[in-house]
Amino acid sequence: LKPLGPRRAVACIIVFWRTLSTSMKLVIQRVTHASVFADGEMPGKIGPGLVLLLGVEQGDTLEQALQLATKVLKIRLWPDLKDPQKQWSASVVDVGYEILVVSQFTLFATFKKPKPDFHQAMGGDEAKSLYEAFVEHCRAGSGDPSRVATGVFGAMMQVELCNDGPVTVELVAESTADKSAAADIPLSGKGPEQTKTSRQPKAASAQLRGSAVE
């Protein structure tokens, strides 16, 4: 078998890491309308727009929350406003629609047994602070904070919606492990030792030419 080069080896490590660890994620549904109920009340209701189910995993960071919020405001899930024939050309901000954010720790359920295990999900105040940071970043970037509605963090909720299309997509934050591994990949495709060694013959050649001139 031919040995893997540095780039391919690191890529394999990243893929393997992803099978062991995921990151903060969104399940995104394009809707004609949606509402959320908690304890007999309706804390959030929107017309056309996006329903965002946000899952926060153990180890997630504020950087990832802001990263996801920025991305979801830019993804194009509607036709162009001026030319409806151009599909997937406009974002929720472009069309001026609304967003409903609902916390969803069950996105990180695992099933070693029939009963789901939620230990992978982040809980408590730490998860709530990341959820709130995500919501506030969406409001700041939406053009009108009132366009972003929410459920009640940590509550038992019922979500009613009409999926438009249907269109349902998933968005996962870039993990810090991926970024660190990518930064370590040499742009030349060679490892540090290989690059250093490849320069040695040139240095030796220069010394020989200098001796010959003398």
C-alpha atoms as a PDB file:
ATOM      1  CA  LEU A   1       0.000   0.000   0.000  1.00  0.00           C
ATOM      2  CA  LYS A   2       1.158   3.514  -0.810  1.00  0.00           C
ATOM      3  CA  PRO A   3       1.702   5.620   2.342  1.00  0.00           C
ATOM      4  CA  LEU A   4      -0.572   8.631   2.855  1.00  0.00           C
ATOM      5  CA  GLY A   5       0.843  12.098   2.339  1.00  0.00           C
ATOM      6  CA  PRO A   6       0.577  14.680   5.164  1.00  0.00           C
ATOM      7  CA  ARG A   7      -2.531  16.363   3.723  1.00  0.00           C
ATOM      8  CA  ARG A   8      -4.435  13.127   3.216  1.00  0.00           C
ATOM      9  CA  ALA A   9      -3.415  11.816   6.626  1.00  0.00           C
ATOM     10  CA  VAL A  10      -4.719  14.927   8.378  1.00  0.00           C
ATOM     11  CA  ALA A  11      -7.942  14.766   6.334  1.00  0.00           C
ATOM     12  CA  CYS A  12      -8.461  11.180   7.504  1.00  0.00           C
ATOM     13  CA  ILE A  13      -7.920  12.256  11.109  1.00  0.00           C
ATOM     14  CA  ILE A  14     -10.532  15.006  10.724  1.00  0.00           C
ATOM     15  CA  VAL A  15     -13.079  12.573   9.282  1.00  0.00           C
ATOM     16  CA  PHE A  16     -12.418  10.132  12.102  1.00  0.00           C
ATOM     17  CA  TRP A  17     -12.768  12.914  14.680  1.00  0.00           C
ATOM     18  CA  ARG A  18     -16.133  13.887  13.230  1.00  0.00           C
ATOM     19  CA  THR A  19     -17.419  10.366  13.757  1.00  0.00           C
ATOM     20  CA  LEU A  20     -16.612  10.751  17.463  1.00  0.00           C
ATOM     21  CA  SER A  21     -17.623  14.369  17.994  1.00  0.00           C
ATOM     22  CA  THR A  22     -20.167  16.723  16.457  1.00  0.00           C
ATOM     23  CA  SER A  23     -20.826  20.409  17.048  1.00  0.00           C
ATOM     24  CA  MET A  24     -23.602  22.885  17.654  1.00  0.00           C
ATOM     25  CA  LYS A  25     -26.227  22.362  14.992  1.00  0.00           C
ATOM     26  CA  LEU A  26     -29.406  23.758  13.480  1.00  0.00           C
ATOM     27  CA  VAL A  27     -32.275  21.932  11.848  1.00  0.00           C
ATOM     28  CA  ILE A  28     -33.787  24.566   9.573  1.00  0.00           C
ATOM     29  CA  GLN A  29     -37.309  24.441   8.144  1.00  0.00           C
ATOM     30  CA  ARG A  30     -38.695  26.911   5.626  1.00  0.00           C
ATOM     31  CA  VAL A  31     -42.274  27.640   6.658  1.00  0.00           C
ATOM     32  CA  THR A  32     -45.353  29.601   5.638  1.00  0.00           C
ATOM     33  CA  HIS A  33     -46.159  30.116   9.330  1.00  0.00           C
ATOM     34  CA  ALA A  34     -45.234  28.682  12.720  1.00  0.00           C
ATOM     35  CA  SER A  35     -45.940  29.078  16.423  1.00  0.00           C
ATOM     36  CA  VAL A  36     -44.667  27.618  19.670  1.00  0.00           C
ATOM     37  CA  PHE A  37     -46.617  26.948  22.876  1.00  0.00           C
ATOM     38  CA  ALA A  38     -45.347  26.474  26.440  1.00  0.00           C
ATOM     39  CA  ASP A  39     -47.433  26.145  29.611  1.00  0.00           C
ATOM     40  CA  GLY A  40     -50.588  27.072  27.749  1.00  0.00           C
ATOM     41  CA  GLU A  41     -49.111  30.287  26.360  1.00  0.00           C
ATOM     42  CA  MET A  42     -47.711  31.188  22.939  1.00  0.00           C
ATOM     43  CA  PRO A  43     -44.324  32.895  23.434  1.00  0.00           C
ATOM     44  CA  GLY A  44     -43.462  32.914  19.732  1.00  0.00           C
ATOM     45  CA  LYS A  45     -45.295  33.152  16.422  1.00  0.00           C
ATOM     46  CA  ILE A  46     -44.135  33.989  12.877  1.00  0.00           C
ATOM     47  CA  GLY A  47     -45.449  34.214   9.351  1.00  0.00           C
ATOM     48  CA  PRO A  48     -43.306  33.152   6.365  1.00  0.00           C
ATOM     49  CA  GLY A  49     -39.724  32.445   7.364  1.00  0.00           C
ATOM     50  CA  LEU A  50     -37.551  29.911   9.137  1.00  0.00           C
ATOM     51  CA  VAL A  51     -38.034  27.664  12.143  1.00  0.00           C
ATOM     52  CA  LEU A  52     -34.649  26.960  13.717  1.00  0.00           C
ATOM     53  CA  LEU A  53     -34.217  24.014  16.069  1.00  0.00           C
ATOM     54  CA  LEU A  54     -30.951  24.748  17.876  1.00  0.00           C
ATOM     55  CA  GLY A  55     -28.939  21.999  19.550  1.00  0.00           C
ATOM     56  CA  VAL A  56     -25.960  22.842  21.777  1.00  0.00           C
ATOM     57  CA  GLU A  57     -23.374  20.136  22.492  1.00  0.00           C
ATOM     58  CA  GLN A  58     -20.907  19.725  25.351  1.00  0.00           C
ATOM     59  CA  GLY A  59     -17.830  21.800  24.581  1.00  0.00           C
ATOM     60  CA  ASP A  60     -19.502  24.239  22.188  1.00  0.00           C
ATOM     61  CA  THR A  61     -18.362  27.858  22.290  1.00  0.00           C
ATOM     62  CA  LEU A  62     -19.671  31.388  21.869  1.00  0.00           C
ATOM     63  CA  GLU A  63     -17.690  31.610  18.630  1.00  0.00           C
ATOM     64  CA  GLN A  64     -19.671  28.698  17.196  1.00  0.00           C
ATOM     65  CA  ALA A  65     -22.999  30.226  18.258  1.00  0.00           C
ATOM     66  CA  LEU A  66     -22.183  33.477  16.483  1.00  0.00           C
ATOM     67  CA  GLN A  67     -20.846  31.572  13.480  1.00  0.00           C
ATOM     68  CA  LEU A  68     -24.116  29.655  13.076  1.00  0.00           C
ATOM     69  CA  ALA A  69     -26.236  32.776  13.481  1.00  0.00           C
ATOM     70  CA  THR A  70     -24.247  34.566  10.790  1.00  0.00           C
ATOM     71  CA  LYS A  71     -24.544  31.620   8.385  1.00  0.00           C
ATOM     72  CA  VAL A  72     -28.272  31.038   8.827  1.00  0.00           C
ATOM     73  CA  LEU A  73     -29.008  34.667   7.967  1.00  0.00           C
ATOM     74  CA  LYS A  74     -27.146  34.229   4.682  1.00  0.00           C
ATOM     75  CA  ILE A  75     -28.287  30.838   3.386  1.00  0.00           C
ATOM     76  CA  ARG A  76     -30.513  31.174   0.329  1.00  0.00           C
ATOM     77  CA  LEU A  77     -33.707  29.145   0.610  1.00  0.00           C
ATOM     78  CA  TRP A  78     -36.074  31.329  -1.448  1.00  0.00           C
ATOM     79  CA  PRO A  79     -36.375  32.346  -5.100  1.00  0.00           C
ATOM     80  CA  ASP A  80     -34.976  35.659  -6.284  1.00  0.00           C
ATOM     81  CA  LEU A  81     -37.349  38.538  -5.505  1.00  0.00           C
ATOM     82  CA  LYS A  82     -37.048  40.035  -8.994  1.00  0.00           C
ATOM     83  CA  ASP A  83     -36.924  36.735 -10.880  1.00  0.00           C
ATOM     84  CA  PRO A  84     -38.915  33.904  -9.228  1.00  0.00           C
ATOM     85  CA  GLN A  85     -37.482  31.472 -11.781  1.00  0.00           C
ATOM     86  CA  LYS A  86     -34.117  31.737 -10.042  1.00  0.00           C
ATOM     87  CA  GLN A  87     -34.466  29.288  -7.172  1.00  0.00           C
ATOM     88  CA  TRP A  88     -32.308  29.309  -4.028  1.00  0.00           C
ATOM     89  CA  SER A  89     -31.279  32.918  -4.559  1.00  0.00           C
ATOM     90  CA  ALA A  90     -32.598  34.879  -1.554  1.00  0.00           C
ATOM     91  CA  SER A  91     -31.996  34.665   2.190  1.00  0.00           C
ATOM     92  CA  VAL A  92     -34.480  35.237   5.005  1.00  0.00           C
ATOM     93  CA  VAL A  93     -33.014  38.739   5.381  1.00  0.00           C
ATOM     94  CA  ASP A  94     -33.299  39.448   1.641  1.00  0.00           C
ATOM     95  CA  VAL A  95     -37.021  38.643   1.594  1.00  0.00           C
ATOM     96  CA  GLY A  96     -37.740  40.296   4.961  1.00  0.00           C
ATOM     97  CA  TYR A  97     -39.227  37.193   6.547  1.00  0.00           C
ATOM     98  CA  GLU A  98     -39.205  36.059  10.171  1.00  0.00           C
ATOM     99  CA  ILE A  99     -37.354  33.522  12.316  1.00  0.00           C
ATOM    100  CA  LEU A 100     -38.553  31.317  15.168  1.00  0.00           C
ATOM    101  CA  VAL A 101     -35.756  29.863  17.334  1.00  0.00           C
ATOM    102  CA  VAL A 102     -36.520  26.827  19.505  1.00  0.00           C
ATOM    103  CA  SER A 103     -33.959  25.131  21.763  1.00  0.00           C
ATOM    104  CA  GLN A 104     -33.663  21.410  20.956  1.00  0.00           C
ATOM    105  CA  PHE A 105     -31.264  19.372  23.118  1.00  0.00           C
ATOM    106  CA  THR A 106     -32.670  16.104  21.699  1.00  0.00           C
ATOM    107  CA  LEU A 107     -30.677  16.706  18.500  1.00  0.00           C
ATOM    108  CA  PHE A 108     -27.725  15.162  20.346  1.00  0.00           C
ATOM    109  CA  ALA A 109     -29.475  12.008  21.517  1.00  0.00           C
ATOM    110  CA  THR A 110     -27.485   8.769  21.268  1.00  0.00           C
ATOM    111  CA  PHE A 111     -28.910   5.255  21.255  1.00  0.00           C
ATOM    112  CA  LYS A 112     -26.665   2.593  22.750  1.00  0.00           C
ATOM    113  CA  LYS A 113     -29.948   1.282  24.161  1.00  0.00           C
ATOM    114  CA  PRO A 114     -33.530   1.857  23.010  1.00  0.00           C
ATOM    115  CA  LYS A 115     -33.811   4.669  25.570  1.00  0.00           C
ATOM    116  CA  PRO A 116     -32.183   7.889  24.282  1.00  0.00           C
ATOM    117  CA  ASP A 117     -29.150   9.247  26.092  1.00  0.00           C
ATOM    118  CA  PHE A 118     -28.770  13.048  26.174  1.00  0.00           C
ATOM    119  CA  HIS A 119     -25.424  13.362  27.973  1.00  0.00           C
ATOM    120  CA  GLN A 120     -23.813  14.701  24.798  1.00  0.00           C
ATOM    121  CA  ALA A 121     -26.047  17.787  24.928  1.00  0.00           C
ATOM    122  CA  MET A 122     -24.919  20.765  26.958  1.00  0.00           C
ATOM    123  CA  GLY A 123     -27.272  21.649  29.777  1.00  0.00           C
ATOM    124  CA  GLY A 124     -27.932  24.328  32.348  1.00  0.00           C
ATOM    125  CA  ASP A 125     -26.945  27.983  32.325  1.00  0.00           C
ATOM    126  CA  GLU A 126     -23.998  27.444  29.986  1.00  0.00           C
ATOM    127  CA  ALA A 127     -26.240  26.150  27.193  1.00  0.00           C
ATOM    128  CA  LYS A 128     -28.789  28.886  27.844  1.00  0.00           C
ATOM    129  CA  SER A 129     -26.163  31.612  27.507  1.00  0.00           C
ATOM    130  CA  LEU A 130     -25.067  30.244  24.101  1.00  0.00           C
ATOM    131  CA  TYR A 131     -28.705  29.954  23.009  1.00  0.00           C
ATOM    132  CA  GLU A 132     -29.363  33.565  24.019  1.00  0.00           C
ATOM    133  CA  ALA A 133     -26.192  34.759  22.282  1.00  0.00           C
ATOM    134  CA  PHE A 134     -27.348  32.986  19.103  1.00  0.00           C
ATOM    135  CA  VAL A 135     -30.777  34.634  19.315  1.00  0.00           C
ATOM    136  CA  GLU A 136     -29.343  38.103  19.926  1.00  0.00           C
ATOM    137  CA  HIS A 137     -26.936  37.755  16.991  1.00  0.00           C
ATOM    138  CA  CYS A 138     -29.850  36.758  14.739  1.00  0.00           C
ATOM    139  CA  ARG A 139     -31.812  39.787  15.917  1.00  0.00           C
ATOM    140  CA  ALA A 140     -28.862  42.097  15.326  1.00  0.00           C
ATOM    141  CA  GLY A 141     -28.393  40.830  11.776  1.00  0.00           C
ATOM    142  CA  SER A 142     -32.026  40.460  10.736  1.00  0.00           C
ATOM    143  CA  GLY A 143     -32.620  44.134  10.043  1.00  0.00           C
ATOM    144  CA  ASP A 144     -35.502  44.204  12.551  1.00  0.00           C
ATOM    145  CA  PRO A 145     -35.167  42.510  15.968  1.00  0.00           C
ATOM    146  CA  SER A 146     -38.936  41.966  16.122  1.00  0.00           C
ATOM    147  CA  ARG A 147     -38.635  39.487  13.242  1.00  0.00           C
ATOM    148  CA  VAL A 148     -36.929  36.958  15.524  1.00  0.00           C
ATOM    149  CA  ALA A 149     -39.231  35.084  17.922  1.00  0.00           C
ATOM    150  CA  THR A 150     -38.343  32.308  20.370  1.00  0.00           C
ATOM    151  CA  GLY A 151     -39.727  29.536  22.477  1.00  0.00           C
ATOM    152  CA  VAL A 152     -38.901  29.105  26.176  1.00  0.00           C
ATOM    153  CA  PHE A 153     -35.480  27.616  26.858  1.00  0.00           C
ATOM    154  CA  GLY A 154     -35.645  24.316  28.711  1.00  0.00           C
ATOM    155  CA  ALA A 155     -39.453  24.163  28.735  1.00  0.00           C
ATOM    156  CA  MET A 156     -41.727  21.451  27.379  1.00  0.00           C
ATOM    157  CA  MET A 157     -43.004  22.990  24.160  1.00  0.00           C
ATOM    158  CA  GLN A 158     -45.319  22.227  21.281  1.00  0.00           C
ATOM    159  CA  VAL A 159     -44.350  23.588  17.870  1.00  0.00           C
ATOM    160  CA  GLU A 160     -46.888  24.018  15.093  1.00  0.00           C
ATOM    161  CA  LEU A 161     -45.738  24.851  11.581  1.00  0.00           C
ATOM    162  CA  CYS A 162     -46.474  24.511   7.895  1.00  0.00           C
ATOM    163  CA  ASN A 163     -43.298  23.446   6.101  1.00  0.00           C
ATOM    164  CA  ASP A 164     -43.028  25.247   2.763  1.00  0.00           C
ATOM    165  CA  GLY A 165     -41.731  22.995  -0.013  1.00  0.00           C
ATOM    166  CA  PRO A 166     -41.066  21.003   2.091  1.00  0.00           C
ATOM    167  CA  VAL A 167     -37.607  22.443   2.716  1.00  0.00           C
ATOM    168  CA  THR A 168     -35.599  21.112   5.665  1.00  0.00           C
ATOM    169  CA  VAL A 169     -31.819  21.448   5.913  1.00  0.00           C
ATOM    170  CA  GLU A 170     -29.160  21.045   8.589  1.00  0.00           C
ATOM    171  CA  LEU A 171     -26.382  23.454   9.439  1.00  0.00           C
ATOM    172  CA  VAL A 172     -23.493  22.393  11.697  1.00  0.00           C
ATOM    173  CA  ALA A 173     -20.963  24.743  13.253  1.00  0.00           C
ATOM    174  CA  GLU A 174     -17.324  24.296  12.343  1.00  0.00           C
ATOM    175  CA  SER A 175     -15.646  22.575  15.259  1.00  0.00           C
ATOM    176  CA  THR A 176     -12.561  24.089  16.836  1.00  0.00           C
ATOM    177  CA  ALA A 177     -10.786  20.735  16.329  1.00  0.00           C
ATOM    178  CA  ASP A 178     -11.331  20.960  12.562  1.00  0.00           C
ATOM    179  CA  LYS A 179      -9.931  24.488  12.474  1.00  0.00           C
ATOM    180  CA  SER A 180      -6.821  23.538  14.463  1.00  0.00           C
ATOM    181  CA  ALA A 181      -6.157  20.492  12.306  1.00  0.00           C
ATOM    182  CA  ALA A 182      -6.629  22.461   9.098  1.00  0.00           C
ATOM    183  CA  ALA A 183      -4.195  25.115  10.311  1.00  0.00           C
ATOM    184  CA  ASP A 184      -1.534  22.441  10.803  1.00  0.00           C
ATOM    185  CA  ILE A 185      -1.700  21.224   7.175  1.00  0.00           C
ATOM    186  CA  PRO A 186       1.353  22.604   5.298  1.00  0.00           C
ATOM    187  CA  LEU A 187       0.353  24.596   2.213  1.00  0.00           C
ATOM    188  CA  SER A 188       3.123  22.920   0.233  1.00  0.00           C
ATOM    189  CA  GLY A 189       1.689  19.488   0.904  1.00  0.00           C
ATOM    190  CA  LYS A 190       4.950  18.490   2.611  1.00  0.00           C
ATOM    191  CA  GLY A 191       5.635  18.018   6.278  1.00  0.00           C
ATOM    192  CA  PRO A 192       8.038  20.374   8.106  1.00  0.00           C
ATOM    193  CA  GLU A 193      10.885  17.843   8.053  1.00  0.00           C
ATOM    194  CA  GLN A 194      10.419  17.165   4.338  1.00  0.00           C
ATOM    195  CA  THR A 195      10.459  20.859   3.541  1.00  0.00           C
ATOM    196  CA  LYS A 196      13.594  21.428   5.609  1.00  0.00           C
ATOM    197  CA  THR A 197      15.371  18.464   4.034  1.00  0.00           C
ATOM    198  CA  SER A 198      14.490  19.536   0.500  1.00  0.00           C
ATOM    199  CA  ARG A 199      16.300  22.838   1.075  1.00  0.00           C
ATOM    200  CA  GLN A 200      19.564  21.293   2.293  1.00  0.00           C
ATOM    201  CA  PRO A 201      20.951  20.232  -1.118  1.00  0.00           C
ATOM    202  CA  LYS A 202      20.491  23.802  -2.403  1.00  0.00           C
ATOM    203  CA  ALA A 203      22.434  25.211   0.554  1.00  0.00           C
ATOM    204  CA  ALA A 204      25.242  22.668   0.034  1.00  0.00           C
ATOM    205  CA  SER A 205      25.376  23.453  -3.683  1.00  0.00           C
ATOM    206  CA  ALA A 206      25.730  27.158  -2.922  1.00  0.00           C
ATOM    207  CA  GLN A 207      28.663  26.476  -0.584  1.00  0.00           C
ATOM    208  CA  LEU A 208      30.445  24.396  -3.287  1.00  0.00           C
ATOM    209  CA  ARG A 209      29.997  27.157  -5.860  1.00  0.00           C
ATOM    210  CA  GLY A 210      31.429  29.668  -3.386  1.00  0.00           C
ATOM    211  CA  SER A 211      34.512  27.498  -2.812  1.00  0.00           C
ATOM    212  CA  ALA A 212      35.096  27.100  -6.523  1.00  0.00           C
ATOM    213  CA  VAL A 213      35.068  30.859  -7.049  1.00  0.00           C
ATOM    214  CA  GLU A 214      37.608  31.376  -4.285  1.00  0.00           C
END
